[in-house]
Amino acid sequence: MSDAVPARIILISKPGCHLCGPVREVIERVAQDLGVQWVERSILDDPALSAAYRDLIPVTLVDGVEHDHWRLNEFRLRRALGSTQAPGDPRP
């Protein structure tokens, strides 16, 4: 991920989180399909994130706004990013 382009998606997670893997997979797929940047931040590295989200991880933010927690719906994420492309649709 490049720091020159701000990340549109932020995944807030922690090591060992059993829900984080599936959410990360959705984010990776959608970000690649739509050409958007994303980053992952651990609550263990940031006391403010830990205080805000420790009971909700994984948390997905889109453009700095909380989008989902615990689970992530791929269609809703695509729509939040302005895409009408259905999951798995190869059209740009």
C-alpha atoms as a PDB file:
ATOM      1  CA  MET A   1       0.000   0.000   0.000  1.00  0.00           C
ATOM      2  CA  SER A   2       1.260   3.439  -0.850  1.00  0.00           C
ATOM      3  CA  ASP A   3       1.147   6.255   1.685  1.00  0.00           C
ATOM      4  CA  ALA A   4       0.750   8.753  -1.193  1.00  0.00           C
ATOM      5  CA  VAL A   5      -2.844   7.620  -1.750  1.00  0.00           C
ATOM      6  CA  PRO A   6      -4.964   7.567   1.400  1.00  0.00           C
ATOM      7  CA  ALA A   7      -6.495   4.222   2.263  1.00  0.00           C
ATOM      8  CA  ARG A   8     -10.231   4.149   1.686  1.00  0.00           C
ATOM      9  CA  ILE A   9     -10.601   0.972   3.761  1.00  0.00           C
ATOM     10  CA  ILE A  10      -9.144   0.428   7.215  1.00  0.00           C
ATOM     11  CA  LEU A  11      -9.357  -2.939   8.925  1.00  0.00           C
ATOM     12  CA  ILE A  12      -8.968  -2.744  12.687  1.00  0.00           C
ATOM     13  CA  SER A  13      -7.918  -6.129  14.023  1.00  0.00           C
ATOM     14  CA  LYS A  14      -5.646  -7.932  16.456  1.00  0.00           C
ATOM     15  CA  PRO A  15      -3.400 -10.974  16.200  1.00  0.00           C
ATOM     16  CA  GLY A  16      -5.211 -14.251  16.782  1.00  0.00           C
ATOM     17  CA  CYS A  17      -8.633 -12.866  15.904  1.00  0.00           C
ATOM     18  CA  HIS A  18     -10.612 -15.740  14.352  1.00  0.00           C
ATOM     19  CA  LEU A  19     -13.067 -13.369  12.615  1.00  0.00           C
ATOM     20  CA  CYS A  20     -10.354 -11.186  11.070  1.00  0.00           C
ATOM     21  CA  GLY A  21      -9.182 -13.638   8.388  1.00  0.00           C
ATOM     22  CA  PRO A  22     -12.486 -13.857   6.500  1.00  0.00           C
ATOM     23  CA  VAL A  23     -12.977 -10.076   6.720  1.00  0.00           C
ATOM     24  CA  ARG A  24      -9.419  -9.500   5.455  1.00  0.00           C
ATOM     25  CA  GLU A  25     -10.107 -11.805   2.471  1.00  0.00           C
ATOM     26  CA  VAL A  26     -13.190  -9.787   1.489  1.00  0.00           C
ATOM     27  CA  ILE A  27     -11.300  -6.508   1.822  1.00  0.00           C
ATOM     28  CA  GLU A  28      -8.361  -7.786  -0.237  1.00  0.00           C
ATOM     29  CA  ARG A  29     -10.680  -8.985  -3.016  1.00  0.00           C
ATOM     30  CA  VAL A  30     -12.780  -5.816  -3.143  1.00  0.00           C
ATOM     31  CA  ALA A  31      -9.788  -3.477  -2.900  1.00  0.00           C
ATOM     32  CA  GLN A  32      -8.052  -5.284  -5.747  1.00  0.00           C
ATOM     33  CA  ASP A  33     -11.187  -5.369  -7.916  1.00  0.00           C
ATOM     34  CA  LEU A  34     -11.904  -1.666  -7.402  1.00  0.00           C
ATOM     35  CA  GLY A  35      -8.314  -0.426  -7.263  1.00  0.00           C
ATOM     36  CA  VAL A  36      -8.598   1.153  -3.825  1.00  0.00           C
ATOM     37  CA  GLN A  37      -6.000   1.282  -1.066  1.00  0.00           C
ATOM     38  CA  TRP A  38      -6.525  -0.399   2.287  1.00  0.00           C
ATOM     39  CA  VAL A  39      -4.556  -0.765   5.507  1.00  0.00           C
ATOM     40  CA  GLU A  40      -4.782  -2.958   8.567  1.00  0.00           C
ATOM     41  CA  ARG A  41      -4.241  -1.583  12.055  1.00  0.00           C
ATOM     42  CA  SER A  42      -3.918  -3.620  15.234  1.00  0.00           C
ATOM     43  CA  ILE A  43      -5.592  -2.517  18.447  1.00  0.00           C
ATOM     44  CA  LEU A  44      -2.454  -3.754  20.219  1.00  0.00           C
ATOM     45  CA  ASP A  45      -0.448  -0.947  18.584  1.00  0.00           C
ATOM     46  CA  ASP A  46      -2.823   1.916  19.354  1.00  0.00           C
ATOM     47  CA  PRO A  47      -4.427   2.520  22.772  1.00  0.00           C
ATOM     48  CA  ALA A  48      -7.110   4.783  21.244  1.00  0.00           C
ATOM     49  CA  LEU A  49      -8.170   2.088  18.788  1.00  0.00           C
ATOM     50  CA  SER A  50      -8.165  -0.476  21.580  1.00  0.00           C
ATOM     51  CA  ALA A  51     -10.375   1.697  23.780  1.00  0.00           C
ATOM     52  CA  ALA A  52     -12.803   2.386  20.959  1.00  0.00           C
ATOM     53  CA  TYR A  53     -13.020  -1.026  19.291  1.00  0.00           C
ATOM     54  CA  ARG A  54     -11.652  -3.837  21.490  1.00  0.00           C
ATOM     55  CA  ASP A  55     -15.086  -5.517  21.822  1.00  0.00           C
ATOM     56  CA  LEU A  56     -16.026  -5.047  18.170  1.00  0.00           C
ATOM     57  CA  ILE A  57     -13.056  -6.327  16.169  1.00  0.00           C
ATOM     58  CA  PRO A  58     -12.698  -6.806  13.373  1.00  0.00           C
ATOM     59  CA  VAL A  59     -13.954  -3.345  12.495  1.00  0.00           C
ATOM     60  CA  THR A  60     -14.030  -2.034   8.941  1.00  0.00           C
ATOM     61  CA  LEU A  61     -13.888   1.695   8.260  1.00  0.00           C
ATOM     62  CA  VAL A  62     -14.655   3.174   4.843  1.00  0.00           C
ATOM     63  CA  ASP A  63     -13.393   6.690   4.226  1.00  0.00           C
ATOM     64  CA  GLY A  64     -12.837   7.058   7.973  1.00  0.00           C
ATOM     65  CA  VAL A  65     -16.390   6.066   8.957  1.00  0.00           C
ATOM     66  CA  GLU A  66     -17.272   2.826  10.748  1.00  0.00           C
ATOM     67  CA  HIS A  67     -18.835   0.530   8.173  1.00  0.00           C
ATOM     68  CA  ASP A  68     -19.100  -2.898   9.831  1.00  0.00           C
ATOM     69  CA  HIS A  69     -17.880  -4.889  12.786  1.00  0.00           C
ATOM     70  CA  TRP A  70     -17.504  -8.633  13.441  1.00  0.00           C
ATOM     71  CA  ARG A  71     -18.533  -9.566   9.885  1.00  0.00           C
ATOM     72  CA  LEU A  72     -18.329  -7.883   6.476  1.00  0.00           C
ATOM     73  CA  ASN A  73     -20.827  -8.060   3.644  1.00  0.00           C
ATOM     74  CA  GLU A  74     -18.980  -7.846   0.328  1.00  0.00           C
ATOM     75  CA  PHE A  75     -21.870  -6.286  -1.610  1.00  0.00           C
ATOM     76  CA  ARG A  76     -22.372  -3.578   1.038  1.00  0.00           C
ATOM     77  CA  LEU A  77     -18.634  -2.808   1.016  1.00  0.00           C
ATOM     78  CA  ARG A  78     -18.623  -2.472  -2.772  1.00  0.00           C
ATOM     79  CA  ARG A  79     -21.653  -0.188  -2.624  1.00  0.00           C
ATOM     80  CA  ALA A  80     -20.052   1.961   0.097  1.00  0.00           C
ATOM     81  CA  LEU A  81     -17.052   2.405  -2.185  1.00  0.00           C
ATOM     82  CA  GLY A  82     -19.326   3.589  -4.992  1.00  0.00           C
ATOM     83  CA  SER A  83     -19.330   0.419  -7.070  1.00  0.00           C
ATOM     84  CA  THR A  84     -22.344  -1.163  -8.685  1.00  0.00           C
ATOM     85  CA  GLN A  85     -20.156  -4.109  -9.691  1.00  0.00           C
ATOM     86  CA  ALA A  86     -21.450  -7.365  -8.259  1.00  0.00           C
ATOM     87  CA  PRO A  87     -19.011  -9.676  -6.467  1.00  0.00           C
ATOM     88  CA  GLY A  88     -17.208 -11.832  -9.033  1.00  0.00           C
ATOM     89  CA  ASP A  89     -18.299  -9.628 -11.943  1.00  0.00           C
ATOM     90  CA  PRO A  90     -15.246  -9.097 -14.187  1.00  0.00           C
ATOM     91  CA  ARG A  91     -16.624  -5.877 -15.689  1.00  0.00           C
ATOM     92  CA  PRO A  92     -14.847  -2.663 -14.625  1.00  0.00           C
END
